[in-house]
Amino acid sequence: MGESINDKAGIEDLDICRPCGGKCCKSYPGPATPDDFGAPDKERMYNELYSALKSGKWTIDWIDQEQEYYFIRPAVKGFESSVFDHRYMGECTFLTPTGCALSFNKRPESCRMLVPKINEKCDPQGYTRAYVVKTWQPYIDVLIKAATDVEKVDIDFNW
């Protein structure tokens, strides 16, 4: 994933996060926003989405496929390489024994904006799946094009 161009730097408190061990990351990978992939530059977005999906470390999830309510998130550990995946639970592929494999500014916006708490659930600050889906709506064409191109290449090589 490319460097974020949004102005939402995020919140990181290692004094809370390290002892926690990534409880949030162990239950569900945090959704990414279009800004994480270069929005509003659609060409840059396509290139970054294509690379991310091709890596197998990122996947497209959804709330409603018929209405094209899609978003992108890191893959669930053990289920990498699926362009589309709708698992509700599972550990983020980027979680390691020492924390996130991604540098802070390369993590999904919802992960960067998560407010860590001691002895209670961390505060997602409104970064729900429904909220993130809304941010993707103007870019669904780019997301689907990148996904179909990755799948086309996979089909071409697997035959």
N, C-alpha and C. Protein backbone atom coordinates (compact mmCIF):
# COMPACT_ATOMS: atom_id res chain seq x y z
N MET A 1 0.86 -1.17 0.00
CA MET A 1 0.00 0.00 0.00
C MET A 1 0.90 1.22 0.00
N GLY A 2 0.52 2.21 -0.75
CA GLY A 2 1.30 3.44 -0.85
C GLY A 2 1.17 4.31 0.37
N GLU A 3 1.96 5.35 0.40
CA GLU A 3 1.92 6.28 1.53
C GLU A 3 0.58 6.99 1.54
N SER A 4 -0.01 7.13 2.69
CA SER A 4 -1.31 7.78 2.81
C SER A 4 -1.18 9.26 2.49
N ILE A 5 -2.15 9.78 1.73
CA ILE A 5 -2.13 11.20 1.41
C ILE A 5 -3.17 11.96 2.21
N ASN A 6 -3.87 11.25 3.08
CA ASN A 6 -4.85 11.97 3.89
C ASN A 6 -4.16 12.66 5.05
N ASP A 7 -4.89 13.57 5.68
CA ASP A 7 -4.29 14.32 6.79
C ASP A 7 -4.64 13.72 8.14
N LYS A 8 -5.11 12.49 8.16
CA LYS A 8 -5.46 11.83 9.40
C LYS A 8 -4.28 10.97 9.84
N ALA A 9 -3.40 11.57 10.61
CA ALA A 9 -2.18 10.89 11.03
C ALA A 9 -2.50 9.67 11.88
N GLY A 10 -3.38 9.82 12.85
CA GLY A 10 -3.76 8.68 13.68
C GLY A 10 -3.29 8.80 15.12
N ILE A 11 -3.54 7.74 15.85
CA ILE A 11 -3.27 7.69 17.28
C ILE A 11 -2.51 6.40 17.54
N GLU A 12 -1.35 6.51 18.15
CA GLU A 12 -0.59 5.32 18.51
C GLU A 12 -0.08 5.49 19.93
N ASP A 13 -0.43 4.56 20.79
CA ASP A 13 0.03 4.60 22.17
C ASP A 13 0.60 3.22 22.49
N LEU A 14 1.89 3.09 22.25
CA LEU A 14 2.54 1.79 22.43
C LEU A 14 2.51 1.30 23.86
N ASP A 15 2.40 2.22 24.84
CA ASP A 15 2.32 1.80 26.24
C ASP A 15 1.04 1.01 26.50
N ILE A 16 0.01 1.25 25.72
CA ILE A 16 -1.24 0.50 25.84
C ILE A 16 -1.26 -0.66 24.84
N CYS A 17 -0.84 -0.39 23.62
CA CYS A 17 -0.94 -1.39 22.55
C CYS A 17 -0.05 -2.61 22.77
N ARG A 18 1.19 -2.40 23.16
CA ARG A 18 2.12 -3.53 23.32
C ARG A 18 1.62 -4.55 24.34
N PRO A 19 1.25 -4.12 25.57
CA PRO A 19 0.78 -5.12 26.54
C PRO A 19 -0.52 -5.82 26.10
N CYS A 20 -1.34 -5.12 25.33
CA CYS A 20 -2.60 -5.68 24.85
C CYS A 20 -2.34 -6.85 23.89
N GLY A 21 -1.33 -6.72 23.04
CA GLY A 21 -1.00 -7.79 22.12
C GLY A 21 -1.87 -7.84 20.87
N GLY A 22 -2.63 -6.78 20.61
CA GLY A 22 -3.42 -6.73 19.39
C GLY A 22 -4.75 -7.46 19.46
N LYS A 23 -5.47 -7.31 20.56
CA LYS A 23 -6.77 -7.98 20.66
C LYS A 23 -7.70 -7.63 19.50
N CYS A 24 -7.71 -6.35 19.12
CA CYS A 24 -8.55 -5.94 17.98
C CYS A 24 -8.10 -6.64 16.71
N CYS A 25 -6.79 -6.67 16.49
CA CYS A 25 -6.20 -7.26 15.29
C CYS A 25 -6.41 -8.77 15.23
N LYS A 26 -6.58 -9.39 16.39
CA LYS A 26 -6.81 -10.83 16.44
C LYS A 26 -8.25 -11.20 16.13
N SER A 27 -9.16 -10.23 16.24
CA SER A 27 -10.56 -10.55 15.99
C SER A 27 -11.03 -10.18 14.59
N TYR A 28 -10.45 -9.09 13.99
CA TYR A 28 -10.91 -8.68 12.66
C TYR A 28 -9.96 -7.62 12.10
N PRO A 29 -9.50 -7.78 10.87
CA PRO A 29 -8.63 -6.76 10.26
C PRO A 29 -9.39 -5.45 10.05
N GLY A 30 -8.74 -4.34 10.30
CA GLY A 30 -9.38 -3.03 10.16
C GLY A 30 -9.57 -2.62 8.71
N PRO A 31 -10.75 -2.08 8.38
CA PRO A 31 -11.02 -1.65 7.01
C PRO A 31 -10.17 -0.44 6.59
N ALA A 32 -9.81 -0.43 5.33
CA ALA A 32 -9.07 0.69 4.74
C ALA A 32 -10.04 1.63 4.05
N THR A 33 -9.64 2.87 3.92
CA THR A 33 -10.44 3.86 3.19
C THR A 33 -9.78 4.14 1.84
N PRO A 34 -10.50 4.78 0.93
CA PRO A 34 -9.90 5.13 -0.36
C PRO A 34 -8.64 5.99 -0.21
N ASP A 35 -8.59 6.84 0.79
CA ASP A 35 -7.41 7.67 1.02
C ASP A 35 -6.16 6.82 1.23
N ASP A 36 -6.33 5.65 1.81
CA ASP A 36 -5.20 4.76 2.04
C ASP A 36 -4.57 4.28 0.74
N PHE A 37 -5.30 4.39 -0.35
CA PHE A 37 -4.83 3.93 -1.66
C PHE A 37 -4.68 5.06 -2.67
N GLY A 38 -4.63 6.30 -2.19
CA GLY A 38 -4.32 7.41 -3.07
C GLY A 38 -5.48 8.24 -3.58
N ALA A 39 -6.69 8.06 -3.03
CA ALA A 39 -7.83 8.88 -3.47
C ALA A 39 -7.49 10.35 -3.27
N PRO A 40 -7.96 11.20 -4.13
CA PRO A 40 -8.93 10.98 -5.22
C PRO A 40 -8.31 10.64 -6.57
N ASP A 41 -7.01 10.40 -6.64
CA ASP A 41 -6.33 10.08 -7.90
C ASP A 41 -6.67 8.64 -8.30
N LYS A 42 -7.61 8.48 -9.24
CA LYS A 42 -8.09 7.14 -9.58
C LYS A 42 -7.03 6.26 -10.24
N GLU A 43 -6.13 6.84 -10.99
CA GLU A 43 -5.07 6.04 -11.60
C GLU A 43 -4.14 5.49 -10.51
N ARG A 44 -3.77 6.34 -9.59
CA ARG A 44 -2.93 5.89 -8.47
C ARG A 44 -3.67 4.85 -7.65
N MET A 45 -4.96 5.09 -7.40
CA MET A 45 -5.74 4.11 -6.64
C MET A 45 -5.74 2.75 -7.32
N TYR A 46 -6.01 2.75 -8.63
CA TYR A 46 -6.04 1.48 -9.37
C TYR A 46 -4.71 0.75 -9.19
N ASN A 47 -3.61 1.44 -9.41
CA ASN A 47 -2.29 0.80 -9.31
C ASN A 47 -2.02 0.25 -7.92
N GLU A 48 -2.36 1.02 -6.90
CA GLU A 48 -2.11 0.57 -5.53
C GLU A 48 -3.06 -0.56 -5.13
N LEU A 49 -4.33 -0.48 -5.55
CA LEU A 49 -5.27 -1.55 -5.26
C LEU A 49 -4.87 -2.84 -5.98
N TYR A 50 -4.50 -2.71 -7.24
CA TYR A 50 -4.07 -3.88 -8.01
C TYR A 50 -2.89 -4.56 -7.31
N SER A 51 -1.88 -3.78 -6.93
CA SER A 51 -0.71 -4.35 -6.25
C SER A 51 -1.07 -4.98 -4.92
N ALA A 52 -1.93 -4.31 -4.16
CA ALA A 52 -2.33 -4.84 -2.85
C ALA A 52 -3.10 -6.15 -2.99
N LEU A 53 -4.07 -6.18 -3.90
CA LEU A 53 -4.86 -7.40 -4.09
C LEU A 53 -4.01 -8.51 -4.68
N LYS A 54 -3.13 -8.18 -5.58
CA LYS A 54 -2.25 -9.18 -6.20
C LYS A 54 -1.32 -9.81 -5.16
N SER A 55 -0.94 -9.03 -4.14
CA SER A 55 -0.05 -9.53 -3.09
C SER A 55 -0.70 -10.64 -2.26
N GLY A 56 -2.02 -10.69 -2.26
CA GLY A 56 -2.73 -11.68 -1.45
C GLY A 56 -2.91 -11.26 -0.01
N LYS A 57 -2.30 -10.16 0.38
CA LYS A 57 -2.37 -9.68 1.76
C LYS A 57 -3.58 -8.79 2.00
N TRP A 58 -4.27 -8.37 0.94
CA TRP A 58 -5.44 -7.51 1.04
C TRP A 58 -6.59 -8.20 0.33
N THR A 59 -7.80 -7.91 0.77
CA THR A 59 -8.98 -8.53 0.17
C THR A 59 -10.14 -7.55 0.15
N ILE A 60 -11.11 -7.84 -0.67
CA ILE A 60 -12.32 -7.03 -0.74
C ILE A 60 -13.41 -7.73 0.06
N ASP A 61 -14.02 -7.01 0.96
CA ASP A 61 -15.12 -7.49 1.79
C ASP A 61 -16.36 -6.69 1.40
N TRP A 62 -17.49 -7.02 1.95
CA TRP A 62 -18.71 -6.33 1.57
C TRP A 62 -19.76 -6.39 2.66
N ILE A 63 -20.70 -5.48 2.54
CA ILE A 63 -21.90 -5.51 3.38
C ILE A 63 -23.05 -6.07 2.54
N ASP A 64 -23.12 -5.67 1.26
CA ASP A 64 -24.17 -6.12 0.36
C ASP A 64 -23.61 -6.12 -1.06
N GLN A 65 -23.42 -7.30 -1.63
CA GLN A 65 -22.84 -7.39 -2.97
C GLN A 65 -23.77 -6.85 -4.05
N GLU A 66 -25.06 -7.10 -3.92
CA GLU A 66 -26.00 -6.65 -4.95
C GLU A 66 -26.00 -5.13 -5.09
N GLN A 67 -25.80 -4.43 -3.98
CA GLN A 67 -25.76 -2.96 -4.02
C GLN A 67 -24.34 -2.42 -4.17
N GLU A 68 -23.37 -3.32 -4.34
CA GLU A 68 -21.96 -2.97 -4.46
C GLU A 68 -21.45 -2.17 -3.26
N TYR A 69 -21.80 -2.65 -2.07
CA TYR A 69 -21.31 -2.05 -0.83
C TYR A 69 -20.04 -2.78 -0.41
N TYR A 70 -18.94 -2.43 -1.09
CA TYR A 70 -17.65 -3.08 -0.89
C TYR A 70 -16.67 -2.17 -0.15
N PHE A 71 -15.65 -2.79 0.43
CA PHE A 71 -14.52 -2.08 1.01
C PHE A 71 -13.33 -3.02 0.99
N ILE A 72 -12.15 -2.49 1.22
CA ILE A 72 -10.95 -3.32 1.23
C ILE A 72 -10.37 -3.36 2.65
N ARG A 73 -9.79 -4.48 2.97
CA ARG A 73 -9.18 -4.67 4.30
C ARG A 73 -8.05 -5.69 4.16
N PRO A 74 -7.18 -5.76 5.16
CA PRO A 74 -6.18 -6.83 5.14
C PRO A 74 -6.86 -8.20 5.18
N ALA A 75 -6.20 -9.17 4.61
CA ALA A 75 -6.72 -10.53 4.61
C ALA A 75 -6.69 -11.11 6.03
N VAL A 76 -7.50 -12.12 6.23
CA VAL A 76 -7.48 -12.88 7.48
C VAL A 76 -6.35 -13.91 7.36
N LYS A 77 -5.54 -14.00 8.40
CA LYS A 77 -4.41 -14.93 8.42
C LYS A 77 -4.89 -16.34 8.09
N GLY A 78 -4.19 -16.97 7.16
CA GLY A 78 -4.55 -18.32 6.73
C GLY A 78 -5.48 -18.33 5.53
N PHE A 79 -6.01 -17.16 5.16
CA PHE A 79 -6.92 -17.06 4.02
C PHE A 79 -6.43 -15.99 3.04
N GLU A 80 -5.12 -15.81 2.97
CA GLU A 80 -4.55 -14.85 2.03
C GLU A 80 -4.81 -15.34 0.60
N SER A 81 -4.67 -14.43 -0.32
CA SER A 81 -4.80 -14.69 -1.76
C SER A 81 -6.23 -14.81 -2.26
N SER A 82 -7.21 -14.48 -1.46
CA SER A 82 -8.59 -14.40 -1.93
C SER A 82 -8.88 -12.95 -2.26
N VAL A 83 -9.22 -12.67 -3.51
CA VAL A 83 -9.52 -11.28 -3.88
C VAL A 83 -10.77 -10.80 -3.15
N PHE A 84 -11.76 -11.69 -3.01
CA PHE A 84 -12.97 -11.37 -2.26
C PHE A 84 -13.08 -12.32 -1.08
N ASP A 85 -13.35 -11.80 0.10
CA ASP A 85 -13.48 -12.64 1.30
C ASP A 85 -14.43 -11.96 2.27
N HIS A 86 -15.36 -12.71 2.80
CA HIS A 86 -16.39 -12.15 3.67
C HIS A 86 -16.37 -12.76 5.08
N ARG A 87 -15.21 -13.02 5.61
CA ARG A 87 -15.11 -13.57 6.97
C ARG A 87 -15.36 -12.46 7.99
N TYR A 88 -16.17 -12.77 8.98
CA TYR A 88 -16.47 -11.79 10.03
C TYR A 88 -15.45 -11.83 11.16
N MET A 89 -14.72 -12.90 11.26
CA MET A 89 -13.77 -13.05 12.35
C MET A 89 -12.46 -13.60 11.80
N GLY A 90 -11.38 -13.24 12.48
CA GLY A 90 -10.08 -13.79 12.11
C GLY A 90 -8.97 -12.78 12.35
N GLU A 91 -7.78 -13.29 12.48
CA GLU A 91 -6.62 -12.46 12.78
C GLU A 91 -6.09 -11.78 11.53
N CYS A 92 -5.74 -10.53 11.66
CA CYS A 92 -5.18 -9.75 10.56
C CYS A 92 -3.86 -10.38 10.09
N THR A 93 -3.70 -10.49 8.80
CA THR A 93 -2.49 -11.08 8.24
C THR A 93 -1.22 -10.31 8.60
N PHE A 94 -1.36 -9.04 8.94
CA PHE A 94 -0.18 -8.22 9.26
C PHE A 94 0.21 -8.26 10.74
N LEU A 95 -0.56 -8.95 11.58
CA LEU A 95 -0.23 -9.03 13.01
C LEU A 95 0.90 -10.03 13.21
N THR A 96 1.95 -9.59 13.90
CA THR A 96 3.09 -10.44 14.22
C THR A 96 3.20 -10.53 15.75
N PRO A 97 4.05 -11.39 16.26
CA PRO A 97 4.23 -11.45 17.71
C PRO A 97 4.71 -10.13 18.33
N THR A 98 5.32 -9.27 17.52
CA THR A 98 5.81 -7.99 18.05
C THR A 98 4.96 -6.80 17.63
N GLY A 99 3.80 -7.05 17.05
CA GLY A 99 2.92 -5.96 16.63
C GLY A 99 2.63 -6.01 15.14
N CYS A 100 2.22 -4.89 14.59
CA CYS A 100 1.84 -4.82 13.18
C CYS A 100 3.09 -4.80 12.28
N ALA A 101 3.04 -5.59 11.23
CA ALA A 101 4.14 -5.63 10.26
C ALA A 101 4.20 -4.36 9.42
N LEU A 102 3.10 -3.63 9.36
CA LEU A 102 3.05 -2.39 8.59
C LEU A 102 3.53 -1.22 9.45
N SER A 103 4.28 -0.31 8.84
CA SER A 103 4.63 0.91 9.57
C SER A 103 3.31 1.65 9.87
N PHE A 104 3.34 2.50 10.87
CA PHE A 104 2.11 3.14 11.32
C PHE A 104 1.39 3.87 10.18
N ASN A 105 2.12 4.62 9.35
CA ASN A 105 1.47 5.39 8.30
C ASN A 105 0.99 4.54 7.13
N LYS A 106 1.33 3.26 7.08
CA LYS A 106 0.88 2.36 6.01
C LYS A 106 -0.31 1.49 6.44
N ARG A 107 -0.71 1.61 7.70
CA ARG A 107 -1.85 0.83 8.19
C ARG A 107 -3.16 1.43 7.68
N PRO A 108 -4.22 0.61 7.63
CA PRO A 108 -5.52 1.16 7.24
C PRO A 108 -5.91 2.32 8.16
N GLU A 109 -6.60 3.29 7.58
CA GLU A 109 -7.01 4.47 8.35
C GLU A 109 -7.77 4.08 9.61
N SER A 110 -8.65 3.08 9.53
CA SER A 110 -9.42 2.69 10.71
C SER A 110 -8.51 2.17 11.82
N CYS A 111 -7.38 1.56 11.47
CA CYS A 111 -6.42 1.08 12.47
C CYS A 111 -5.64 2.25 13.07
N ARG A 112 -5.25 3.19 12.23
CA ARG A 112 -4.50 4.35 12.72
C ARG A 112 -5.36 5.22 13.64
N MET A 113 -6.64 5.27 13.38
CA MET A 113 -7.52 6.14 14.15
C MET A 113 -8.11 5.47 15.39
N LEU A 114 -7.86 4.19 15.58
CA LEU A 114 -8.34 3.45 16.74
C LEU A 114 -7.72 4.01 18.01
N VAL A 115 -8.55 4.39 18.97
CA VAL A 115 -8.06 4.94 20.24
C VAL A 115 -7.89 3.78 21.23
N PRO A 116 -6.64 3.49 21.60
CA PRO A 116 -6.41 2.38 22.53
C PRO A 116 -6.90 2.72 23.94
N LYS A 117 -7.42 1.70 24.61
CA LYS A 117 -7.93 1.85 25.98
C LYS A 117 -7.38 0.72 26.84
N ILE A 118 -7.20 1.00 28.11
CA ILE A 118 -6.75 -0.02 29.05
C ILE A 118 -7.99 -0.65 29.69
N ASN A 119 -8.02 -1.98 29.71
CA ASN A 119 -9.09 -2.74 30.37
C ASN A 119 -10.48 -2.46 29.82
N GLU A 120 -10.58 -2.03 28.58
CA GLU A 120 -11.88 -1.87 27.93
C GLU A 120 -11.67 -1.93 26.43
N LYS A 121 -12.77 -2.01 25.70
CA LYS A 121 -12.69 -2.08 24.24
C LYS A 121 -12.14 -0.76 23.68
N CYS A 122 -11.24 -0.86 22.71
CA CYS A 122 -10.70 0.34 22.08
C CYS A 122 -11.81 1.07 21.32
N ASP A 123 -11.65 2.37 21.15
CA ASP A 123 -12.65 3.22 20.51
C ASP A 123 -12.36 3.36 19.02
N PRO A 124 -13.23 2.82 18.15
CA PRO A 124 -12.99 2.90 16.71
C PRO A 124 -13.33 4.27 16.11
N GLN A 125 -13.83 5.18 16.89
CA GLN A 125 -14.15 6.54 16.45
C GLN A 125 -15.08 6.58 15.23
N GLY A 126 -16.00 5.66 15.16
CA GLY A 126 -16.98 5.67 14.08
C GLY A 126 -16.55 4.98 12.81
N TYR A 127 -15.37 4.38 12.80
CA TYR A 127 -14.90 3.68 11.61
C TYR A 127 -15.53 2.29 11.54
N THR A 128 -16.83 2.27 11.35
CA THR A 128 -17.56 1.01 11.20
C THR A 128 -17.45 0.54 9.75
N ARG A 129 -17.82 -0.68 9.51
CA ARG A 129 -17.85 -1.18 8.13
C ARG A 129 -18.81 -0.33 7.29
N ALA A 130 -19.94 0.05 7.86
CA ALA A 130 -20.92 0.87 7.13
C ALA A 130 -20.33 2.23 6.75
N TYR A 131 -19.59 2.84 7.67
CA TYR A 131 -18.97 4.13 7.37
C TYR A 131 -17.94 3.99 6.25
N VAL A 132 -17.10 2.97 6.36
CA VAL A 132 -16.04 2.79 5.36
C VAL A 132 -16.64 2.47 3.99
N VAL A 133 -17.71 1.70 3.95
CA VAL A 133 -18.38 1.40 2.67
C VAL A 133 -18.81 2.71 1.99
N LYS A 134 -19.33 3.64 2.76
CA LYS A 134 -19.75 4.93 2.18
C LYS A 134 -18.57 5.66 1.55
N THR A 135 -17.40 5.57 2.17
CA THR A 135 -16.23 6.26 1.62
C THR A 135 -15.79 5.65 0.30
N TRP A 136 -16.09 4.35 0.10
CA TRP A 136 -15.71 3.67 -1.13
C TRP A 136 -16.68 3.89 -2.28
N GLN A 137 -17.89 4.32 -2.02
CA GLN A 137 -18.91 4.43 -3.07
C GLN A 137 -18.45 5.21 -4.31
N PRO A 138 -17.80 6.37 -4.18
CA PRO A 138 -17.37 7.07 -5.39
C PRO A 138 -16.26 6.36 -6.18
N TYR A 139 -15.69 5.31 -5.59
CA TYR A 139 -14.55 4.63 -6.21
C TYR A 139 -14.81 3.15 -6.48
N ILE A 140 -16.06 2.73 -6.44
CA ILE A 140 -16.38 1.32 -6.66
C ILE A 140 -15.88 0.86 -8.02
N ASP A 141 -15.98 1.72 -9.04
CA ASP A 141 -15.51 1.34 -10.37
C ASP A 141 -14.02 1.00 -10.36
N VAL A 142 -13.23 1.76 -9.64
CA VAL A 142 -11.79 1.52 -9.56
C VAL A 142 -11.52 0.21 -8.79
N LEU A 143 -12.22 0.02 -7.69
CA LEU A 143 -12.05 -1.17 -6.86
C LEU A 143 -12.40 -2.44 -7.65
N ILE A 144 -13.52 -2.43 -8.35
CA ILE A 144 -13.95 -3.60 -9.12
C ILE A 144 -13.01 -3.85 -10.30
N LYS A 145 -12.57 -2.79 -10.96
CA LYS A 145 -11.64 -2.95 -12.09
C LYS A 145 -10.33 -3.60 -11.62
N ALA A 146 -9.78 -3.12 -10.51
CA ALA A 146 -8.54 -3.70 -9.99
C ALA A 146 -8.77 -5.18 -9.63
N ALA A 147 -9.89 -5.47 -8.98
CA ALA A 147 -10.19 -6.85 -8.58
C ALA A 147 -10.35 -7.77 -9.78
N THR A 148 -11.11 -7.34 -10.78
CA THR A 148 -11.32 -8.20 -11.95
C THR A 148 -10.03 -8.38 -12.73
N ASP A 149 -9.19 -7.36 -12.78
CA ASP A 149 -7.91 -7.50 -13.47
C ASP A 149 -6.99 -8.48 -12.73
N VAL A 150 -6.98 -8.44 -11.42
CA VAL A 150 -6.17 -9.40 -10.64
C VAL A 150 -6.70 -10.81 -10.86
N GLU A 151 -8.02 -10.97 -10.81
CA GLU A 151 -8.60 -12.30 -11.02
C GLU A 151 -8.35 -12.80 -12.44
N LYS A 152 -8.40 -11.91 -13.42
CA LYS A 152 -8.15 -12.29 -14.81
C LYS A 152 -6.72 -12.82 -14.96
N VAL A 153 -5.77 -12.14 -14.38
CA VAL A 153 -4.39 -12.59 -14.45
C VAL A 153 -4.26 -13.95 -13.76
N ASP A 154 -4.90 -14.12 -12.61
CA ASP A 154 -4.84 -15.41 -11.90
C ASP A 154 -5.43 -16.53 -12.75
N ILE A 155 -6.53 -16.25 -13.42
CA ILE A 155 -7.16 -17.26 -14.27
C ILE A 155 -6.24 -17.59 -15.44
N ASP A 156 -5.65 -16.57 -16.06
CA ASP A 156 -4.76 -16.80 -17.20
C ASP A 156 -3.58 -17.69 -16.82
N PHE A 157 -3.02 -17.48 -15.64
CA PHE A 157 -1.85 -18.25 -15.22
C PHE A 157 -2.20 -19.63 -14.68
N ASN A 158 -3.43 -19.80 -14.24
CA ASN A 158 -3.83 -21.07 -13.63
C ASN A 158 -4.39 -22.06 -14.66
N TRP A 159 -4.51 -21.67 -15.89
CA TRP A 159 -5.06 -22.60 -16.88
C TRP A 159 -3.97 -23.32 -17.58
